[in-house]
C-alpha atoms as a PDB file:
ATOM      1  CA  MET A   1      18.688  -0.812  10.908  1.00  0.00           C
ATOM      2  CA  SER A   2      15.609  -2.848  11.764  1.00  0.00           C
ATOM      3  CA  GLU A   3      14.102  -5.530   9.578  1.00  0.00           C
ATOM      4  CA  LEU A   4      10.394  -5.989   9.013  1.00  0.00           C
ATOM      5  CA  THR A   5       9.282  -9.131  10.844  1.00  0.00           C
ATOM      6  CA  LEU A   6       6.337 -11.364  10.062  1.00  0.00           C
ATOM      7  CA  GLU A   7       4.850 -10.530  13.461  1.00  0.00           C
ATOM      8  CA  HIS A   8       5.049  -6.773  12.752  1.00  0.00           C
ATOM      9  CA  ALA A   9       3.567  -7.247   9.254  1.00  0.00           C
ATOM     10  CA  GLN A  10       0.689  -9.321  10.639  1.00  0.00           C
ATOM     11  CA  ARG A  11      -0.071  -6.623  13.252  1.00  0.00           C
ATOM     12  CA  LEU A  12      -0.263  -4.031  10.447  1.00  0.00           C
ATOM     13  CA  VAL A  13      -2.651  -6.238   8.456  1.00  0.00           C
ATOM     14  CA  ALA A  14      -4.833  -6.805  11.535  1.00  0.00           C
ATOM     15  CA  LYS A  15      -5.046  -3.047  12.182  1.00  0.00           C
ATOM     16  CA  GLY A  16      -5.958  -2.462   8.538  1.00  0.00           C
ATOM     17  CA  CYS A  17      -8.682  -5.096   8.631  1.00  0.00           C
ATOM     18  CA  ALA A  18     -10.101  -3.590  11.828  1.00  0.00           C
ATOM     19  CA  ALA A  19     -10.181  -0.137  10.202  1.00  0.00           C
ATOM     20  CA  ALA A  20     -11.920  -1.561   7.134  1.00  0.00           C
ATOM     21  CA  GLU A  21     -14.525  -3.324   9.276  1.00  0.00           C
ATOM     22  CA  ALA A  22     -15.159  -0.128  11.221  1.00  0.00           C
ATOM     23  CA  ALA A  23     -15.694   1.697   7.907  1.00  0.00           C
ATOM     24  CA  GLY A  24     -18.016  -1.021   6.595  1.00  0.00           C
ATOM     25  CA  MET A  25     -15.524  -1.982   3.881  1.00  0.00           C
ATOM     26  CA  LYS A  26     -14.032  -5.216   2.558  1.00  0.00           C
ATOM     27  CA  ALA A  27     -10.372  -4.705   1.669  1.00  0.00           C
ATOM     28  CA  VAL A  28      -7.086  -6.365   0.833  1.00  0.00           C
ATOM     29  CA  PHE A  29      -3.793  -5.613   2.584  1.00  0.00           C
ATOM     30  CA  ALA A  30      -0.275  -6.472   1.458  1.00  0.00           C
ATOM     31  CA  VAL A  31       2.959  -5.892   3.361  1.00  0.00           C
ATOM     32  CA  LEU A  32       6.294  -6.081   1.549  1.00  0.00           C
ATOM     33  CA  ASP A  33       9.844  -5.868   2.889  1.00  0.00           C
ATOM     34  CA  LYS A  34      12.407  -3.299   1.710  1.00  0.00           C
ATOM     35  CA  GLY A  35      13.244  -5.513  -1.282  1.00  0.00           C
ATOM     36  CA  ALA A  36       9.543  -5.517  -2.302  1.00  0.00           C
ATOM     37  CA  ASN A  37       9.098  -9.175  -1.281  1.00  0.00           C
ATOM     38  CA  LEU A  38       5.708 -10.186   0.113  1.00  0.00           C
ATOM     39  CA  ILE A  39       5.730 -10.717   3.890  1.00  0.00           C
ATOM     40  CA  ALA A  40       2.020 -10.696   4.795  1.00  0.00           C
ATOM     41  CA  PHE A  41      -1.204 -10.634   2.816  1.00  0.00           C
ATOM     42  CA  ALA A  42      -4.902 -10.729   3.680  1.00  0.00           C
ATOM     43  CA  ARG A  43      -8.084 -10.466   1.636  1.00  0.00           C
ATOM     44  CA  MET A  44     -11.121  -9.903   3.782  1.00  0.00           C
ATOM     45  CA  ASP A  45     -14.120 -12.110   3.017  1.00  0.00           C
ATOM     46  CA  GLY A  46     -16.071 -10.505   0.206  1.00  0.00           C
ATOM     47  CA  ALA A  47     -13.283  -8.161  -0.941  1.00  0.00           C
ATOM     48  CA  TRP A  48     -12.854  -7.755  -4.682  1.00  0.00           C
ATOM     49  CA  LEU A  49     -10.429 -10.234  -6.237  1.00  0.00           C
ATOM     50  CA  ALA A  50      -8.942  -7.421  -8.356  1.00  0.00           C
ATOM     51  CA  SER A  51      -7.793  -5.762  -5.134  1.00  0.00           C
ATOM     52  CA  ASN A  52      -5.258  -8.562  -4.554  1.00  0.00           C
ATOM     53  CA  GLU A  53      -2.890  -7.336  -7.260  1.00  0.00           C
ATOM     54  CA  LEU A  54      -3.702  -3.687  -6.608  1.00  0.00           C
ATOM     55  CA  ALA A  55      -2.717  -3.877  -2.925  1.00  0.00           C
ATOM     56  CA  ILE A  56       0.584  -5.558  -3.789  1.00  0.00           C
ATOM     57  CA  ALA A  57       1.307  -3.017  -6.540  1.00  0.00           C
ATOM     58  CA  LYS A  58       0.593  -0.110  -4.185  1.00  0.00           C
ATOM     59  CA  ALA A  59       2.898  -1.564  -1.526  1.00  0.00           C
ATOM     60  CA  ARG A  60       5.629  -2.159  -4.143  1.00  0.00           C
ATOM     61  CA  THR A  61       5.315   1.395  -5.453  1.00  0.00           C
ATOM     62  CA  SER A  62       5.616   2.852  -1.942  1.00  0.00           C
ATOM     63  CA  VAL A  63       8.806   0.817  -1.416  1.00  0.00           C
ATOM     64  CA  MET A  64      10.326   1.750  -4.772  1.00  0.00           C
ATOM     65  CA  PHE A  65       9.694   5.480  -4.342  1.00  0.00           C
ATOM     66  CA  GLN A  66       9.858   5.551  -0.513  1.00  0.00           C
ATOM     67  CA  THR A  67       6.767   7.746  -0.396  1.00  0.00           C
ATOM     68  CA  PRO A  68       3.004   7.318  -0.078  1.00  0.00           C
ATOM     69  CA  THR A  69       1.481   6.461  -3.435  1.00  0.00           C
ATOM     70  CA  GLU A  70      -1.038   9.300  -3.334  1.00  0.00           C
ATOM     71  CA  ALA A  71       1.929  11.709  -3.499  1.00  0.00           C
ATOM     72  CA  LEU A  72       2.860  10.193  -6.872  1.00  0.00           C
ATOM     73  CA  ASN A  73      -0.580  10.646  -8.406  1.00  0.00           C
ATOM     74  CA  ALA A  74       0.014  14.055  -9.975  1.00  0.00           C
ATOM     75  CA  PRO A  75      -2.847  15.500 -12.002  1.00  0.00           C
ATOM     76  CA  LEU A  76      -2.446  15.683 -15.762  1.00  0.00           C
ATOM     77  CA  GLU A  77      -1.595  19.201 -16.903  1.00  0.00           C
ATOM     78  CA  ILE A  78      -1.926  20.268 -20.531  1.00  0.00           C
ATOM     79  CA  GLY A  79       1.424  21.187 -22.039  1.00  0.00           C
ATOM     80  CA  LYS A  80       3.478  19.426 -19.359  1.00  0.00           C
ATOM     81  CA  PRO A  81       5.064  15.990 -19.646  1.00  0.00           C
ATOM     82  CA  ALA A  82       3.004  13.194 -18.124  1.00  0.00           C
ATOM     83  CA  LEU A  83       4.295  10.159 -16.301  1.00  0.00           C
ATOM     84  CA  HIS A  84       3.697   7.089 -18.423  1.00  0.00           C
ATOM     85  CA  PHE A  85       3.789   4.414 -15.770  1.00  0.00           C
ATOM     86  CA  ASP A  86       0.395   4.643 -14.058  1.00  0.00           C
ATOM     87  CA  HIS A  87       0.472   0.886 -13.966  1.00  0.00           C
ATOM     88  CA  ILE A  88       3.400  -1.080 -15.292  1.00  0.00           C
ATOM     89  CA  HIS A  89       2.138  -4.607 -15.713  1.00  0.00           C
ATOM     90  CA  HIS A  90       5.442  -6.430 -15.322  1.00  0.00           C
ATOM     91  CA  GLY A  91       6.944  -3.951 -12.869  1.00  0.00           C
ATOM     92  CA  GLY A  92       3.835  -3.857 -10.725  1.00  0.00           C
ATOM     93  CA  LEU A  93       3.821  -0.135  -9.978  1.00  0.00           C
ATOM     94  CA  LEU A  94       0.586   1.734  -9.327  1.00  0.00           C
ATOM     95  CA  LEU A  95       0.405   5.492  -8.768  1.00  0.00           C
ATOM     96  CA  VAL A  96      -2.892   5.507  -6.872  1.00  0.00           C
ATOM     97  CA  GLY A  97      -3.496   6.233  -3.201  1.00  0.00           C
ATOM     98  CA  GLY A  98      -3.344   3.338  -0.754  1.00  0.00           C
ATOM     99  CA  GLY A  99       0.366   2.534  -0.513  1.00  0.00           C
ATOM    100  CA  VAL A 100       2.605   3.724   2.316  1.00  0.00           C
ATOM    101  CA  PRO A 101       6.292   3.095   2.971  1.00  0.00           C
ATOM    102  CA  LEU A 102       7.388   1.675   6.320  1.00  0.00           C
ATOM    103  CA  PHE A 103      10.394   3.090   8.158  1.00  0.00           C
ATOM    104  CA  ASP A 104      12.209   2.011  11.319  1.00  0.00           C
ATOM    105  CA  GLU A 105      12.907   4.297  14.290  1.00  0.00           C
ATOM    106  CA  ALA A 106      16.065   5.608  12.597  1.00  0.00           C
ATOM    107  CA  GLY A 107      14.165   6.520   9.433  1.00  0.00           C
ATOM    108  CA  ALA A 108      15.482   3.652   7.283  1.00  0.00           C
ATOM    109  CA  LEU A 109      13.099   2.001   4.845  1.00  0.00           C
ATOM    110  CA  ILE A 110      11.975  -1.451   6.009  1.00  0.00           C
ATOM    111  CA  GLY A 111       9.044  -2.081   3.650  1.00  0.00           C
ATOM    112  CA  GLY A 112       5.674  -0.920   2.434  1.00  0.00           C
ATOM    113  CA  LEU A 113       1.982  -1.558   2.952  1.00  0.00           C
ATOM    114  CA  GLY A 114      -0.726  -1.488   0.301  1.00  0.00           C
ATOM    115  CA  ALA A 115      -4.481  -1.328   0.834  1.00  0.00           C
ATOM    116  CA  SER A 116      -7.169  -1.793  -1.796  1.00  0.00           C
ATOM    117  CA  GLY A 117     -10.907  -2.157  -1.614  1.00  0.00           C
ATOM    118  CA  GLY A 118     -12.502   1.213  -2.176  1.00  0.00           C
ATOM    119  CA  MET A 119     -11.904   4.552  -3.809  1.00  0.00           C
ATOM    120  CA  PRO A 120      -8.272   5.736  -3.630  1.00  0.00           C
ATOM    121  CA  GLU A 121      -9.117   8.171  -0.815  1.00  0.00           C
ATOM    122  CA  GLN A 122     -10.660   5.331   1.201  1.00  0.00           C
ATOM    123  CA  ASP A 123      -7.619   3.141   0.578  1.00  0.00           C
ATOM    124  CA  VAL A 124      -5.352   5.965   1.797  1.00  0.00           C
ATOM    125  CA  THR A 125      -7.365   6.124   5.025  1.00  0.00           C
ATOM    126  CA  LEU A 126      -7.125   2.356   5.519  1.00  0.00           C
ATOM    127  CA  ALA A 127      -3.381   2.285   4.838  1.00  0.00           C
ATOM    128  CA  ARG A 128      -2.743   5.150   7.254  1.00  0.00           C
ATOM    129  CA  ALA A 129      -4.869   3.439   9.922  1.00  0.00           C
ATOM    130  CA  ALA A 130      -2.884   0.221   9.491  1.00  0.00           C
ATOM    131  CA  VAL A 131       0.454   1.940  10.111  1.00  0.00           C
ATOM    132  CA  ALA A 132      -0.691   4.433  12.778  1.00  0.00           C
ATOM    133  CA  GLN A 133       1.097   4.112  16.108  1.00  0.00           C
END
């Protein structure tokens, strides 16, 4: 199983920043390892300060559930139980698009990336661009 290196994490952040610039956005990117420990972080000049914590929470959520965060954002349906952890302050989970898990060539989890700076759909696009081959 591969480990997420600082060099790899920094490449992901650079790709995310380039995608944000191309889209005319200012965003924040966080890369965590498989234990949800911060490896790389960048806040583009002018990005919202609130996006710092949001990007980390999205990355953490993608690691904890091993799935993109937009897949966890189920719509509320009347008469059905609702998830009550949209954002757990101390746990740092956030069920909003913009977090993607990272896997090695063998399919083992090595970390997660979170992007924040726009609407959830925009953050999904930035996160996917950052991890695209």
